Amino acid sequence: MANPLLTFLTSVRADYETNQRYRAKYHGDGQGLSRLPADAVTRIGFQMMIAMRSMALLRDAKVPLLPQVASRLIRHLYGAEVHWNATLHNGISIVHGTGLVLSHRATVGEGCILFHNVTLGEGIDPETRETGAPTLGRDVHVGPGATLLGPIHVGDGSKIMAGAVLTRSVPPGSLVRPADSVVVERTTARPKAVR
C-alpha cells in the first residue's frame, strides 16, 4: 500500500500544477511551484483542495473519525459538502468552491475543474435501476451550478456548462449545455388580500 503522506504531497503538488496550467491558459499568469505556500493562503479553491487532500490522508492512514471531522470542517469553513470517501485523482482544480457537493461514490478524474455549486450526487439509473454517483474522466470541466446525478460516466475532455443537469453518460469530448430557458409572460394582477 502506498504511503499516505507521500500520496498527500504528490496530490497537492499535482493539484497546484493543474491550477497553474489553467491560470496560464485562462488568465495568462501561471507561476512556478515556488508560489505554492502563498497560494495555499490566498487561493480559496486551492485551500479547499488541500483540506480535501488532508481528509483523504486521514482516511488512508486509517485514523478513526478524523476523516469525518475533516469533512464537517470543510462544510463549515467553505460551505462545501465533500464526503471523505469520494475518489479524487491527482491534479484537480476548484474554482471558488462554495456549494460544492461530492457524494461518497463520486469519482473526479485527473485534471478536472469543478466550479462553485457543482453537485456530483448519488442517484438511480432509470433504466438499469443501478445506484451510484458520477465518474468524471480526465480533464472534465464542470461549470457553476451544474448537477450530475446517478451512476454516469463523463468522458475525458468533456465540458458540462453552467446550470446543466446531467443524468446520463456522455462520450469523450462532449459539450453538455443546459436546457433552453423558457420565458413566460408574468401576470400583473395583484393577489387579493386574505381576510
N, C-alpha and C. Protein backbone atom coordinates (compact mmCIF):
# COMPACT_ATOMS: atom_id res chain seq x y z
N MET A 1 0.84 -1.18 0.00
CA MET A 1 0.00 0.00 0.00
C MET A 1 0.89 1.25 0.00
N ALA A 2 0.46 2.27 -0.71
CA ALA A 2 1.23 3.50 -0.82
C ALA A 2 1.27 4.23 0.52
N ASN A 3 2.34 4.97 0.73
CA ASN A 3 2.50 5.79 1.92
C ASN A 3 1.50 6.95 1.85
N PRO A 4 0.56 7.07 2.82
CA PRO A 4 -0.46 8.13 2.76
C PRO A 4 0.13 9.54 2.71
N LEU A 5 1.22 9.79 3.43
CA LEU A 5 1.82 11.13 3.43
C LEU A 5 2.42 11.45 2.07
N LEU A 6 3.09 10.47 1.47
CA LEU A 6 3.66 10.68 0.13
C LEU A 6 2.55 10.91 -0.90
N THR A 7 1.47 10.15 -0.77
CA THR A 7 0.31 10.33 -1.65
C THR A 7 -0.26 11.74 -1.50
N PHE A 8 -0.38 12.21 -0.25
CA PHE A 8 -0.87 13.56 0.02
C PHE A 8 0.00 14.61 -0.66
N LEU A 9 1.31 14.53 -0.46
CA LEU A 9 2.24 15.52 -1.02
C LEU A 9 2.22 15.49 -2.55
N THR A 10 2.19 14.30 -3.13
CA THR A 10 2.14 14.17 -4.60
C THR A 10 0.85 14.77 -5.14
N SER A 11 -0.26 14.51 -4.46
CA SER A 11 -1.56 15.02 -4.91
C SER A 11 -1.63 16.54 -4.82
N VAL A 12 -1.15 17.12 -3.71
CA VAL A 12 -1.17 18.58 -3.55
C VAL A 12 -0.33 19.24 -4.64
N ARG A 13 0.83 18.67 -4.91
CA ARG A 13 1.69 19.24 -5.96
C ARG A 13 1.00 19.16 -7.32
N ALA A 14 0.40 18.01 -7.62
CA ALA A 14 -0.30 17.85 -8.90
C ALA A 14 -1.49 18.82 -9.00
N ASP A 15 -2.22 19.00 -7.90
CA ASP A 15 -3.33 19.96 -7.88
C ASP A 15 -2.82 21.37 -8.18
N TYR A 16 -1.71 21.72 -7.57
CA TYR A 16 -1.16 23.05 -7.77
C TYR A 16 -0.70 23.24 -9.22
N GLU A 17 -0.05 22.23 -9.77
CA GLU A 17 0.40 22.32 -11.16
C GLU A 17 -0.78 22.47 -12.12
N THR A 18 -1.87 21.76 -11.85
CA THR A 18 -3.07 21.90 -12.67
C THR A 18 -3.64 23.31 -12.53
N ASN A 19 -3.68 23.82 -11.30
CA ASN A 19 -4.14 25.19 -11.06
C ASN A 19 -3.32 26.17 -11.89
N GLN A 20 -2.02 26.01 -11.87
CA GLN A 20 -1.15 26.93 -12.59
C GLN A 20 -1.32 26.81 -14.11
N ARG A 21 -1.51 25.58 -14.57
CA ARG A 21 -1.73 25.37 -16.01
C ARG A 21 -2.99 26.11 -16.46
N TYR A 22 -4.07 25.98 -15.68
CA TYR A 22 -5.32 26.65 -16.05
C TYR A 22 -5.22 28.17 -15.88
N ARG A 23 -4.49 28.63 -14.87
CA ARG A 23 -4.32 30.08 -14.71
C ARG A 23 -3.57 30.65 -15.91
N ALA A 24 -2.54 29.93 -16.36
CA ALA A 24 -1.78 30.39 -17.53
C ALA A 24 -2.67 30.39 -18.77
N LYS A 25 -3.50 29.36 -18.92
CA LYS A 25 -4.37 29.25 -20.09
C LYS A 25 -5.44 30.34 -20.11
N TYR A 26 -6.11 30.56 -18.98
CA TYR A 26 -7.26 31.47 -18.95
C TYR A 26 -6.93 32.90 -18.53
N HIS A 27 -5.84 33.07 -17.77
CA HIS A 27 -5.52 34.40 -17.25
C HIS A 27 -4.14 34.89 -17.66
N GLY A 28 -3.34 34.02 -18.25
CA GLY A 28 -2.00 34.42 -18.67
C GLY A 28 -1.05 34.69 -17.53
N ASP A 29 -1.33 34.17 -16.31
CA ASP A 29 -0.45 34.48 -15.19
C ASP A 29 -0.07 33.27 -14.34
N GLY A 30 0.10 32.11 -14.93
CA GLY A 30 0.55 30.95 -14.18
C GLY A 30 1.95 31.20 -13.64
N GLN A 31 2.22 30.69 -12.44
CA GLN A 31 3.52 30.90 -11.81
C GLN A 31 4.10 29.56 -11.41
N GLY A 32 5.35 29.57 -11.01
CA GLY A 32 6.04 28.35 -10.65
C GLY A 32 5.64 27.78 -9.31
N LEU A 33 6.22 26.63 -8.99
CA LEU A 33 5.94 25.90 -7.76
C LEU A 33 6.32 26.70 -6.52
N SER A 34 7.20 27.67 -6.66
CA SER A 34 7.64 28.46 -5.51
C SER A 34 6.49 29.27 -4.89
N ARG A 35 5.43 29.51 -5.65
CA ARG A 35 4.27 30.27 -5.15
C ARG A 35 3.28 29.39 -4.39
N LEU A 36 3.51 28.09 -4.31
CA LEU A 36 2.56 27.18 -3.67
C LEU A 36 2.22 27.61 -2.24
N PRO A 37 3.19 27.91 -1.36
CA PRO A 37 2.81 28.30 0.01
C PRO A 37 1.93 29.56 0.05
N ALA A 38 2.25 30.56 -0.74
CA ALA A 38 1.44 31.79 -0.75
C ALA A 38 0.05 31.52 -1.30
N ASP A 39 -0.04 30.72 -2.37
CA ASP A 39 -1.35 30.42 -2.95
C ASP A 39 -2.20 29.55 -2.02
N ALA A 40 -1.55 28.76 -1.16
CA ALA A 40 -2.29 27.96 -0.18
C ALA A 40 -3.00 28.86 0.82
N VAL A 41 -2.51 30.07 0.96
CA VAL A 41 -3.12 31.03 1.88
C VAL A 41 -4.12 31.93 1.16
N THR A 42 -3.85 32.29 -0.09
CA THR A 42 -4.66 33.30 -0.77
C THR A 42 -5.68 32.76 -1.76
N ARG A 43 -5.56 31.55 -2.21
CA ARG A 43 -6.47 30.99 -3.21
C ARG A 43 -7.41 29.97 -2.56
N ILE A 44 -8.67 30.36 -2.43
CA ILE A 44 -9.65 29.55 -1.70
C ILE A 44 -9.81 28.16 -2.31
N GLY A 45 -9.92 28.06 -3.63
CA GLY A 45 -10.08 26.76 -4.27
C GLY A 45 -8.93 25.82 -3.97
N PHE A 46 -7.71 26.37 -3.97
CA PHE A 46 -6.53 25.55 -3.66
C PHE A 46 -6.53 25.17 -2.18
N GLN A 47 -6.94 26.09 -1.32
CA GLN A 47 -7.08 25.76 0.11
C GLN A 47 -8.05 24.59 0.29
N MET A 48 -9.17 24.64 -0.43
CA MET A 48 -10.16 23.57 -0.33
C MET A 48 -9.56 22.23 -0.76
N MET A 49 -8.76 22.25 -1.83
CA MET A 49 -8.15 21.00 -2.28
C MET A 49 -7.19 20.47 -1.23
N ILE A 50 -6.42 21.35 -0.58
CA ILE A 50 -5.52 20.90 0.48
C ILE A 50 -6.33 20.30 1.63
N ALA A 51 -7.45 20.93 1.98
CA ALA A 51 -8.31 20.39 3.04
C ALA A 51 -8.85 19.02 2.64
N MET A 52 -9.27 18.89 1.38
CA MET A 52 -9.80 17.61 0.91
C MET A 52 -8.70 16.55 0.87
N ARG A 53 -7.49 16.95 0.49
CA ARG A 53 -6.36 16.01 0.50
C ARG A 53 -6.01 15.60 1.93
N SER A 54 -6.12 16.54 2.87
CA SER A 54 -5.86 16.21 4.28
C SER A 54 -6.89 15.21 4.79
N MET A 55 -8.14 15.39 4.39
CA MET A 55 -9.20 14.46 4.76
C MET A 55 -8.88 13.06 4.21
N ALA A 56 -8.44 12.99 2.97
CA ALA A 56 -8.08 11.70 2.36
C ALA A 56 -6.85 11.09 3.05
N LEU A 57 -5.90 11.94 3.44
CA LEU A 57 -4.72 11.46 4.17
C LEU A 57 -5.15 10.77 5.47
N LEU A 58 -6.05 11.39 6.20
CA LEU A 58 -6.54 10.80 7.45
C LEU A 58 -7.28 9.50 7.19
N ARG A 59 -8.08 9.47 6.12
CA ARG A 59 -8.81 8.25 5.75
C ARG A 59 -7.83 7.12 5.40
N ASP A 60 -6.85 7.44 4.53
CA ASP A 60 -5.91 6.42 4.08
C ASP A 60 -4.98 5.94 5.19
N ALA A 61 -4.72 6.83 6.18
CA ALA A 61 -3.89 6.44 7.33
C ALA A 61 -4.72 5.68 8.36
N LYS A 62 -6.01 5.51 8.07
CA LYS A 62 -6.95 4.78 8.93
C LYS A 62 -7.02 5.37 10.35
N VAL A 63 -7.06 6.69 10.40
CA VAL A 63 -7.23 7.39 11.68
C VAL A 63 -8.74 7.44 11.95
N PRO A 64 -9.19 6.84 13.05
CA PRO A 64 -10.64 6.77 13.30
C PRO A 64 -11.28 8.15 13.49
N LEU A 65 -12.43 8.33 12.88
CA LEU A 65 -13.30 9.50 13.00
C LEU A 65 -12.74 10.81 12.43
N LEU A 66 -11.44 10.99 12.34
CA LEU A 66 -10.91 12.27 11.88
C LEU A 66 -11.26 12.60 10.43
N PRO A 67 -11.36 11.62 9.53
CA PRO A 67 -11.83 11.98 8.18
C PRO A 67 -13.23 12.60 8.20
N GLN A 68 -14.11 12.06 9.04
CA GLN A 68 -15.46 12.62 9.17
C GLN A 68 -15.42 14.02 9.77
N VAL A 69 -14.56 14.22 10.75
CA VAL A 69 -14.41 15.54 11.36
C VAL A 69 -13.89 16.52 10.32
N ALA A 70 -12.92 16.10 9.52
CA ALA A 70 -12.37 16.96 8.46
C ALA A 70 -13.46 17.32 7.46
N SER A 71 -14.33 16.35 7.13
CA SER A 71 -15.43 16.61 6.21
C SER A 71 -16.35 17.69 6.77
N ARG A 72 -16.64 17.61 8.06
CA ARG A 72 -17.51 18.62 8.68
C ARG A 72 -16.83 19.98 8.74
N LEU A 73 -15.52 20.01 8.96
CA LEU A 73 -14.79 21.27 8.96
C LEU A 73 -14.84 21.93 7.58
N ILE A 74 -14.70 21.11 6.54
CA ILE A 74 -14.79 21.63 5.17
C ILE A 74 -16.17 22.23 4.96
N ARG A 75 -17.20 21.57 5.46
CA ARG A 75 -18.57 22.08 5.32
C ARG A 75 -18.70 23.46 5.97
N HIS A 76 -18.15 23.59 7.18
CA HIS A 76 -18.31 24.85 7.91
C HIS A 76 -17.37 25.94 7.41
N LEU A 77 -16.15 25.58 7.02
CA LEU A 77 -15.19 26.59 6.55
C LEU A 77 -15.48 27.09 5.14
N TYR A 78 -15.90 26.18 4.25
CA TYR A 78 -16.02 26.52 2.84
C TYR A 78 -17.44 26.39 2.28
N GLY A 79 -18.38 25.94 3.09
CA GLY A 79 -19.74 25.78 2.60
C GLY A 79 -19.83 24.72 1.52
N ALA A 80 -19.03 23.65 1.67
CA ALA A 80 -18.99 22.56 0.69
C ALA A 80 -19.22 21.24 1.41
N GLU A 81 -19.95 20.36 0.76
CA GLU A 81 -20.28 19.05 1.33
C GLU A 81 -19.48 17.99 0.57
N VAL A 82 -18.33 17.62 1.12
CA VAL A 82 -17.44 16.67 0.45
C VAL A 82 -17.29 15.45 1.34
N HIS A 83 -17.72 14.30 0.84
CA HIS A 83 -17.64 13.07 1.62
C HIS A 83 -16.20 12.56 1.64
N TRP A 84 -15.79 12.04 2.78
CA TRP A 84 -14.41 11.57 2.95
C TRP A 84 -14.08 10.37 2.07
N ASN A 85 -15.07 9.66 1.55
CA ASN A 85 -14.80 8.51 0.68
C ASN A 85 -14.89 8.85 -0.81
N ALA A 86 -15.13 10.10 -1.17
CA ALA A 86 -15.12 10.47 -2.59
C ALA A 86 -13.72 10.19 -3.14
N THR A 87 -13.66 9.72 -4.39
CA THR A 87 -12.37 9.42 -5.02
C THR A 87 -11.91 10.64 -5.80
N LEU A 88 -10.76 11.17 -5.40
CA LEU A 88 -10.21 12.38 -6.02
C LEU A 88 -8.83 12.05 -6.59
N HIS A 89 -8.76 11.99 -7.91
CA HIS A 89 -7.46 11.73 -8.55
C HIS A 89 -6.60 12.98 -8.49
N ASN A 90 -5.34 12.84 -8.85
CA ASN A 90 -4.40 13.95 -8.78
C ASN A 90 -4.73 15.03 -9.82
N GLY A 91 -4.34 16.25 -9.49
CA GLY A 91 -4.42 17.34 -10.45
C GLY A 91 -5.80 17.94 -10.62
N ILE A 92 -6.54 18.09 -9.53
CA ILE A 92 -7.89 18.66 -9.59
C ILE A 92 -7.82 20.14 -9.24
N SER A 93 -8.62 20.94 -9.93
CA SER A 93 -8.67 22.38 -9.65
C SER A 93 -10.10 22.76 -9.27
N ILE A 94 -10.23 23.54 -8.20
CA ILE A 94 -11.53 24.03 -7.77
C ILE A 94 -11.54 25.54 -7.94
N VAL A 95 -12.58 26.05 -8.58
CA VAL A 95 -12.76 27.49 -8.75
C VAL A 95 -13.88 27.92 -7.81
N HIS A 96 -13.57 28.79 -6.89
CA HIS A 96 -14.47 29.27 -5.84
C HIS A 96 -14.83 28.14 -4.88
N GLY A 97 -15.64 27.19 -5.29
CA GLY A 97 -15.90 26.00 -4.49
C GLY A 97 -17.08 26.04 -3.54
N THR A 98 -17.59 27.21 -3.20
CA THR A 98 -18.73 27.27 -2.31
C THR A 98 -19.89 26.49 -2.91
N GLY A 99 -20.55 25.68 -2.10
CA GLY A 99 -21.70 24.92 -2.57
C GLY A 99 -21.35 23.63 -3.28
N LEU A 100 -20.07 23.27 -3.35
CA LEU A 100 -19.65 22.02 -3.98
C LEU A 100 -20.17 20.84 -3.17
N VAL A 101 -20.75 19.85 -3.85
CA VAL A 101 -21.25 18.64 -3.18
C VAL A 101 -20.70 17.42 -3.92
N LEU A 102 -19.97 16.57 -3.17
CA LEU A 102 -19.42 15.34 -3.74
C LEU A 102 -19.88 14.16 -2.91
N SER A 103 -20.62 13.27 -3.52
CA SER A 103 -21.11 12.05 -2.88
C SER A 103 -19.95 11.13 -2.51
N HIS A 104 -20.21 10.23 -1.60
CA HIS A 104 -19.20 9.25 -1.21
C HIS A 104 -18.84 8.32 -2.36
N ARG A 105 -19.69 8.22 -3.37
CA ARG A 105 -19.42 7.34 -4.51
C ARG A 105 -18.93 8.10 -5.74
N ALA A 106 -18.76 9.40 -5.63
CA ALA A 106 -18.31 10.22 -6.76
C ALA A 106 -16.81 9.99 -7.01
N THR A 107 -16.43 10.07 -8.29
CA THR A 107 -15.03 9.97 -8.68
C THR A 107 -14.71 11.15 -9.59
N VAL A 108 -13.66 11.89 -9.23
CA VAL A 108 -13.21 13.04 -10.01
C VAL A 108 -11.86 12.70 -10.61
N GLY A 109 -11.78 12.72 -11.94
CA GLY A 109 -10.58 12.32 -12.65
C GLY A 109 -9.48 13.38 -12.66
N GLU A 110 -8.34 12.96 -13.13
CA GLU A 110 -7.16 13.82 -13.21
C GLU A 110 -7.41 15.04 -14.10
N GLY A 111 -6.97 16.20 -13.65
CA GLY A 111 -7.06 17.41 -14.45
C GLY A 111 -8.43 18.04 -14.53
N CYS A 112 -9.38 17.59 -13.73
CA CYS A 112 -10.73 18.16 -13.76
C CYS A 112 -10.79 19.53 -13.09
N ILE A 113 -11.73 20.35 -13.56
CA ILE A 113 -12.02 21.64 -12.93
C ILE A 113 -13.47 21.57 -12.44
N LEU A 114 -13.66 21.91 -11.16
CA LEU A 114 -15.00 21.97 -10.58
C LEU A 114 -15.25 23.39 -10.11
N PHE A 115 -16.34 23.98 -10.55
CA PHE A 115 -16.71 25.33 -10.13
C PHE A 115 -17.65 25.27 -8.93
N HIS A 116 -18.07 26.42 -8.47
CA HIS A 116 -18.96 26.52 -7.31
C HIS A 116 -20.35 25.98 -7.64
N ASN A 117 -21.02 25.51 -6.59
CA ASN A 117 -22.37 24.97 -6.68
C ASN A 117 -22.51 23.77 -7.61
N VAL A 118 -21.43 23.02 -7.77
CA VAL A 118 -21.47 21.78 -8.56
C VAL A 118 -21.88 20.64 -7.63
N THR A 119 -22.75 19.77 -8.13
CA THR A 119 -23.17 18.58 -7.39
C THR A 119 -22.84 17.33 -8.20
N LEU A 120 -22.09 16.41 -7.58
CA LEU A 120 -21.89 15.07 -8.12
C LEU A 120 -22.59 14.16 -7.12
N GLY A 121 -23.87 13.90 -7.38
CA GLY A 121 -24.71 13.24 -6.39
C GLY A 121 -25.13 11.83 -6.75
N GLU A 122 -25.50 11.11 -5.73
CA GLU A 122 -25.96 9.74 -5.91
C GLU A 122 -27.37 9.74 -6.48
N GLY A 123 -27.66 8.76 -7.29
CA GLY A 123 -28.98 8.63 -7.89
C GLY A 123 -29.18 7.23 -8.45
N ILE A 124 -30.34 7.02 -9.06
CA ILE A 124 -30.70 5.71 -9.62
C ILE A 124 -30.83 5.85 -11.13
N ASP A 125 -30.20 4.95 -11.85
CA ASP A 125 -30.34 4.93 -13.31
C ASP A 125 -31.77 4.51 -13.63
N PRO A 126 -32.49 5.30 -14.43
CA PRO A 126 -33.90 5.00 -14.69
C PRO A 126 -34.13 3.69 -15.46
N GLU A 127 -33.12 3.25 -16.21
CA GLU A 127 -33.29 2.01 -16.98
C GLU A 127 -32.78 0.78 -16.25
N THR A 128 -31.56 0.84 -15.71
CA THR A 128 -30.96 -0.34 -15.08
C THR A 128 -31.30 -0.46 -13.60
N ARG A 129 -31.79 0.64 -13.00
CA ARG A 129 -32.10 0.73 -11.56
C ARG A 129 -30.84 0.63 -10.70
N GLU A 130 -29.67 0.73 -11.31
CA GLU A 130 -28.41 0.75 -10.58
C GLU A 130 -28.27 2.08 -9.84
N THR A 131 -27.72 2.02 -8.63
CA THR A 131 -27.47 3.25 -7.89
C THR A 131 -25.98 3.58 -7.95
N GLY A 132 -25.68 4.85 -7.82
CA GLY A 132 -24.28 5.27 -7.82
C GLY A 132 -24.18 6.76 -8.01
N ALA A 133 -22.96 7.22 -8.19
CA ALA A 133 -22.68 8.64 -8.38
C ALA A 133 -21.78 8.79 -9.60
N PRO A 134 -21.66 10.00 -10.12
CA PRO A 134 -20.89 10.23 -11.34
C PRO A 134 -19.41 9.91 -11.22
N THR A 135 -18.86 9.50 -12.35
CA THR A 135 -17.42 9.33 -12.53
C THR A 135 -17.00 10.28 -13.64
N LEU A 136 -16.09 11.19 -13.32
CA LEU A 136 -15.57 12.12 -14.31
C LEU A 136 -14.25 11.59 -14.84
N GLY A 137 -14.11 11.55 -16.17
CA GLY A 137 -12.85 11.16 -16.79
C GLY A 137 -11.80 12.26 -16.61
N ARG A 138 -10.74 12.17 -17.37
CA ARG A 138 -9.66 13.17 -17.30
C ARG A 138 -10.09 14.49 -17.94
N ASP A 139 -9.61 15.59 -17.36
CA ASP A 139 -9.77 16.93 -17.93
C ASP A 139 -11.22 17.31 -18.23
N VAL A 140 -12.12 16.94 -17.35
CA VAL A 140 -13.53 17.32 -17.49
C VAL A 140 -13.73 18.65 -16.76
N HIS A 141 -14.40 19.59 -17.41
CA HIS A 141 -14.71 20.89 -16.80
C HIS A 141 -16.20 20.89 -16.46
N VAL A 142 -16.51 21.18 -15.20
CA VAL A 142 -17.90 21.22 -14.76
C VAL A 142 -18.19 22.64 -14.29
N GLY A 143 -19.05 23.35 -15.03
CA GLY A 143 -19.34 24.75 -14.80
C GLY A 143 -20.20 25.02 -13.58
N PRO A 144 -20.29 26.29 -13.18
CA PRO A 144 -21.04 26.68 -11.99
C PRO A 144 -22.49 26.19 -12.03
N GLY A 145 -22.92 25.63 -10.91
CA GLY A 145 -24.32 25.22 -10.78
C GLY A 145 -24.70 23.96 -11.52
N ALA A 146 -23.75 23.26 -12.11
CA ALA A 146 -24.09 22.02 -12.83
C ALA A 146 -24.40 20.92 -11.82
N THR A 147 -25.37 20.07 -12.18
CA THR A 147 -25.77 18.96 -11.33
C THR A 147 -25.65 17.67 -12.13
N LEU A 148 -24.84 16.74 -11.62
CA LEU A 148 -24.65 15.44 -12.25
C LEU A 148 -25.11 14.39 -11.26
N LEU A 149 -26.03 13.52 -11.67
CA LEU A 149 -26.64 12.57 -10.75
C LEU A 149 -26.61 11.15 -11.30
N GLY A 150 -26.39 10.21 -10.41
CA GLY A 150 -26.50 8.80 -10.75
C GLY A 150 -25.20 8.19 -11.20
N PRO A 151 -25.24 6.90 -11.54
CA PRO A 151 -24.03 6.14 -11.90
C PRO A 151 -23.63 6.40 -13.36
N ILE A 152 -23.32 7.64 -13.66
CA ILE A 152 -22.98 8.02 -15.03
C ILE A 152 -21.48 8.21 -15.18
N HIS A 153 -21.02 8.15 -16.42
CA HIS A 153 -19.61 8.40 -16.73
C HIS A 153 -19.53 9.57 -17.70
N VAL A 154 -18.69 10.55 -17.36
CA VAL A 154 -18.46 11.69 -18.24
C VAL A 154 -17.10 11.49 -18.88
N GLY A 155 -17.09 11.35 -20.21
CA GLY A 155 -15.87 11.04 -20.94
C GLY A 155 -14.80 12.13 -20.85
N ASP A 156 -13.56 11.71 -21.05
CA ASP A 156 -12.41 12.61 -21.00
C ASP A 156 -12.62 13.84 -21.86
N GLY A 157 -12.15 14.98 -21.35
CA GLY A 157 -12.17 16.22 -22.11
C GLY A 157 -13.54 16.82 -22.33
N SER A 158 -14.55 16.34 -21.64
CA SER A 158 -15.90 16.89 -21.80
C SER A 158 -16.04 18.17 -21.00
N LYS A 159 -17.02 18.98 -21.41
CA LYS A 159 -17.33 20.21 -20.69
C LYS A 159 -18.82 20.22 -20.39
N ILE A 160 -19.13 20.38 -19.10
CA ILE A 160 -20.50 20.49 -18.65
C ILE A 160 -20.71 21.97 -18.33
N MET A 161 -21.56 22.62 -19.08
CA MET A 161 -21.73 24.06 -18.94
C MET A 161 -22.53 24.42 -17.69
N ALA A 162 -22.43 25.69 -17.32
CA ALA A 162 -23.10 26.20 -16.13
C ALA A 162 -24.59 25.89 -16.17
N GLY A 163 -25.10 25.40 -15.05
CA GLY A 163 -26.53 25.16 -14.90
C GLY A 163 -27.04 23.89 -15.55
N ALA A 164 -26.19 23.11 -16.18
CA ALA A 164 -26.66 21.88 -16.83
C ALA A 164 -27.03 20.84 -15.78
N VAL A 165 -27.99 19.99 -16.15
CA VAL A 165 -28.37 18.85 -15.32
C VAL A 165 -28.13 17.62 -16.18
N LEU A 166 -27.30 16.72 -15.67
CA LEU A 166 -26.90 15.55 -16.45
C LEU A 166 -27.21 14.29 -15.66
N THR A 167 -27.99 13.37 -16.28
CA THR A 167 -28.36 12.12 -15.63
C THR A 167 -28.04 10.91 -16.51
N ARG A 168 -27.24 11.13 -17.56
CA ARG A 168 -26.85 10.00 -18.42
C ARG A 168 -25.38 10.17 -18.81
N SER A 169 -24.75 9.09 -19.14
CA SER A 169 -23.34 9.11 -19.52
C SER A 169 -23.14 9.84 -20.85
N VAL A 170 -21.97 10.46 -21.01
CA VAL A 170 -21.65 11.13 -22.27
C VAL A 170 -20.25 10.70 -22.71
N PRO A 171 -20.01 10.62 -24.03
CA PRO A 171 -18.72 10.17 -24.53
C PRO A 171 -17.64 11.24 -24.38
N PRO A 172 -16.37 10.87 -24.58
CA PRO A 172 -15.29 11.84 -24.51
C PRO A 172 -15.52 13.01 -25.46
N GLY A 173 -15.08 14.19 -25.04
CA GLY A 173 -15.16 15.38 -25.88
C GLY A 173 -16.56 15.97 -26.01
N SER A 174 -17.46 15.62 -25.11
CA SER A 174 -18.84 16.13 -25.19
C SER A 174 -18.94 17.55 -24.64
N LEU A 175 -19.91 18.29 -25.15
CA LEU A 175 -20.29 19.58 -24.61
C LEU A 175 -21.73 19.45 -24.17
N VAL A 176 -21.97 19.60 -22.87
CA VAL A 176 -23.32 19.45 -22.32
C VAL A 176 -23.81 20.84 -21.95
N ARG A 177 -24.86 21.29 -22.67
CA ARG A 177 -25.45 22.61 -22.42
C ARG A 177 -26.71 22.46 -21.60
N PRO A 178 -27.04 23.49 -20.82
CA PRO A 178 -28.31 23.44 -20.09
C PRO A 178 -29.47 23.57 -21.06
N ALA A 179 -30.62 23.08 -20.64
CA ALA A 179 -31.81 23.22 -21.49
C ALA A 179 -32.10 24.70 -21.68
N ASP A 180 -32.67 25.02 -22.83
CA ASP A 180 -33.01 26.42 -23.09
C ASP A 180 -34.01 26.91 -22.06
N SER A 181 -33.80 28.11 -21.61
CA SER A 181 -34.72 28.70 -20.64
C SER A 181 -36.03 29.04 -21.34
N VAL A 182 -37.11 28.81 -20.66
CA VAL A 182 -38.42 29.14 -21.20
C VAL A 182 -38.88 30.43 -20.53
N VAL A 183 -39.27 31.40 -21.34
CA VAL A 183 -39.73 32.68 -20.81
C VAL A 183 -41.24 32.74 -20.99
N VAL A 184 -41.94 33.02 -19.91
CA VAL A 184 -43.39 33.15 -19.96
C VAL A 184 -43.75 34.54 -19.47
N GLU A 185 -44.90 35.01 -19.95
CA GLU A 185 -45.34 36.34 -19.53
C GLU A 185 -45.74 36.28 -18.06
N ARG A 186 -45.32 37.26 -17.35
CA ARG A 186 -45.63 37.36 -15.94
C ARG A 186 -46.95 38.10 -15.78
N THR A 187 -47.82 37.57 -14.92
CA THR A 187 -49.10 38.23 -14.72
C THR A 187 -48.91 39.49 -13.88
N THR A 188 -49.71 40.49 -14.17
CA THR A 188 -49.59 41.74 -13.44
C THR A 188 -50.72 41.92 -12.42
N ALA A 189 -51.64 40.96 -12.39
CA ALA A 189 -52.75 41.06 -11.44
C ALA A 189 -52.21 40.92 -10.01
N ARG A 190 -52.71 41.75 -9.14
CA ARG A 190 -52.30 41.68 -7.76
C ARG A 190 -53.12 40.62 -7.04
N PRO A 191 -52.50 39.89 -6.15
CA PRO A 191 -53.28 38.91 -5.39
C PRO A 191 -54.23 39.61 -4.44
N LYS A 192 -55.38 38.99 -4.23
CA LYS A 192 -56.36 39.58 -3.33
C LYS A 192 -55.94 39.32 -1.88
N ALA A 193 -56.20 40.29 -1.05
CA ALA A 193 -55.87 40.16 0.36
C ALA A 193 -56.78 39.13 1.00
N VAL A 194 -56.20 38.37 1.89
CA VAL A 194 -56.97 37.35 2.62
C VAL A 194 -57.46 37.98 3.91
N ARG A 195 -58.78 37.85 4.19
CA ARG A 195 -59.36 38.45 5.41
C ARG A 195 -59.63 37.40 6.43
